[in-house]
Amino acid sequence: MTIKNNELWLKISNNQLNGRLAC
């Protein structure tokens, strides 16, 4: 996994976690 893909994956993971916390 490249650094760029890793950063994108982290961003998506954070968005999913934030969405769960919001709900």
N, C-alpha and C. Protein backbone atom coordinates (compact mmCIF):
# COMPACT_ATOMS: atom_id res chain seq x y z
N MET A 1 0.85 -1.20 0.00
CA MET A 1 0.00 0.00 0.00
C MET A 1 0.89 1.25 0.00
N THR A 2 0.60 2.16 -0.90
CA THR A 2 1.41 3.38 -0.97
C THR A 2 0.99 4.35 0.13
N ILE A 3 1.83 5.34 0.39
CA ILE A 3 1.52 6.33 1.43
C ILE A 3 0.24 7.07 1.07
N LYS A 4 0.08 7.42 -0.21
CA LYS A 4 -1.12 8.17 -0.62
C LYS A 4 -2.36 7.34 -0.35
N ASN A 5 -2.34 6.07 -0.73
CA ASN A 5 -3.51 5.21 -0.50
C ASN A 5 -3.76 5.05 0.99
N ASN A 6 -2.68 4.98 1.77
CA ASN A 6 -2.83 4.81 3.22
C ASN A 6 -3.50 6.04 3.81
N GLU A 7 -3.08 7.22 3.38
CA GLU A 7 -3.69 8.46 3.89
C GLU A 7 -5.17 8.50 3.52
N LEU A 8 -5.49 8.11 2.28
CA LEU A 8 -6.89 8.12 1.84
C LEU A 8 -7.71 7.15 2.68
N TRP A 9 -7.12 5.97 2.94
CA TRP A 9 -7.82 4.96 3.74
C TRP A 9 -8.07 5.48 5.15
N LEU A 10 -7.06 6.18 5.71
CA LEU A 10 -7.21 6.74 7.06
C LEU A 10 -8.32 7.78 7.07
N LYS A 11 -8.37 8.60 6.03
CA LYS A 11 -9.42 9.63 5.96
C LYS A 11 -10.80 8.97 5.91
N ILE A 12 -10.94 7.93 5.11
CA ILE A 12 -12.22 7.24 5.01
C ILE A 12 -12.58 6.61 6.35
N SER A 13 -11.60 6.00 7.01
CA SER A 13 -11.85 5.37 8.31
C SER A 13 -12.30 6.41 9.32
N ASN A 14 -11.63 7.55 9.33
CA ASN A 14 -12.00 8.62 10.27
C ASN A 14 -13.42 9.09 9.99
N ASN A 15 -13.78 9.22 8.72
CA ASN A 15 -15.13 9.67 8.36
C ASN A 15 -16.17 8.66 8.86
N GLN A 16 -15.85 7.37 8.72
CA GLN A 16 -16.79 6.34 9.16
C GLN A 16 -16.94 6.37 10.67
N LEU A 17 -15.81 6.56 11.39
CA LEU A 17 -15.86 6.61 12.86
C LEU A 17 -16.65 7.83 13.30
N ASN A 18 -16.41 8.97 12.67
CA ASN A 18 -17.13 10.19 13.03
C ASN A 18 -18.62 10.00 12.77
N GLY A 19 -18.96 9.33 11.68
CA GLY A 19 -20.36 9.10 11.36
C GLY A 19 -21.02 8.23 12.42
N ARG A 20 -20.30 7.22 12.90
CA ARG A 20 -20.86 6.33 13.92
C ARG A 20 -21.06 7.10 15.22
N LEU A 21 -20.06 7.93 15.58
CA LEU A 21 -20.17 8.70 16.82
C LEU A 21 -21.32 9.69 16.72
N ALA A 22 -21.50 10.26 15.53
CA ALA A 22 -22.58 11.25 15.34
C ALA A 22 -23.93 10.56 15.52
N CYS A 23 -24.02 9.33 15.01
CA CYS A 23 -25.29 8.61 15.14
C CYS A 23 -25.42 8.08 16.55
